[in-house]
Protein backbone atom coordinates (compact mmCIF):
# COMPACT_ATOMS: atom_id res chain seq x y z
CA MET A 1 90.15 104.59 65.65
CA ASP A 2 93.53 103.99 65.48
CA LEU A 3 95.10 100.21 66.23
CA ARG A 4 96.62 101.71 69.47
CA GLN A 5 93.36 102.82 70.65
CA GLU A 6 91.60 99.83 69.83
CA PHE A 7 94.26 98.17 71.27
CA GLU A 8 94.26 99.96 75.09
CA ALA A 9 90.19 100.03 74.83
CA ARG A 10 90.48 96.10 74.88
CA VAL A 11 93.43 96.41 77.44
CA LYS A 12 91.15 98.11 79.43
CA LYS A 13 88.16 96.08 79.01
CA LEU A 14 90.50 93.20 80.26
CA GLU A 15 91.86 94.79 83.44
CA ASP A 16 87.98 95.72 84.65
CA PHE A 17 86.51 92.07 83.78
CA VAL A 18 90.07 90.53 86.37
CA GLU A 19 89.16 93.77 88.37
CA ASP A 20 85.62 92.42 88.85
CA LYS A 21 86.19 88.86 89.01
CA GLY A 22 89.77 87.80 88.77
CA LEU A 23 91.43 86.75 91.95
CA GLY A 24 91.39 89.26 94.63
CA SER A 25 88.68 91.27 93.36
CA LYS A 26 86.55 90.53 96.89
CA GLN A 27 90.49 92.25 98.52
CA LEU A 28 90.33 94.97 96.04
CA LYS A 29 86.74 95.96 96.83
CA LYS A 30 87.75 95.94 100.43
CA ALA A 31 90.62 97.91 99.90
CA LYS A 32 88.86 100.95 98.14
CA LYS A 33 85.80 100.95 100.62
CA VAL A 34 88.50 101.24 103.31
CA GLN A 35 90.44 104.32 101.51
CA ARG A 36 87.42 106.11 100.77
CA ASN A 37 86.61 106.31 104.30
CA MET A 38 89.71 107.03 105.79
CA ASN A 39 90.13 109.83 103.04
CA ALA A 40 86.39 110.79 104.24
CA VAL A 41 88.04 110.54 108.01
CA VAL A 42 90.84 112.64 107.11
CA LEU A 43 88.78 115.41 105.30
CA LEU A 44 86.22 115.65 108.27
CA GLY A 45 89.07 116.08 110.84
CA SER A 46 91.12 118.67 108.85
CA LEU A 47 87.85 121.16 108.48
CA ILE A 48 87.19 120.48 112.51
CA THR A 49 91.09 121.15 112.95
CA LEU A 50 91.21 124.17 110.62
CA ALA A 51 87.55 124.80 112.35
CA GLY A 52 89.15 125.04 115.73
CA VAL A 53 92.50 127.27 114.81
CA THR A 54 90.03 129.67 113.17
CA ILE A 55 87.97 130.38 116.35
CA TRP A 56 90.72 129.95 118.55
CA MET A 57 92.50 133.22 116.42
CA LEU A 58 89.54 134.91 115.82
CA ASN A 59 88.91 134.80 120.07
CA ARG A 60 92.56 135.09 120.54
CA ASP A 61 92.92 138.72 122.38
């Protein structure tokens, strides 16, 4: 492992530690949870819309 990769690995470890234990870690976890839930809602809404448009197109005479 060269020096650059070792340095990047150490920086990543430090970033992960700060993310888990640092200031704002609770807010970050909440924000990630909210973002995940919003992504699921958008995906579900898109699928329902697509299904509705498809049904409408098929039944249109």
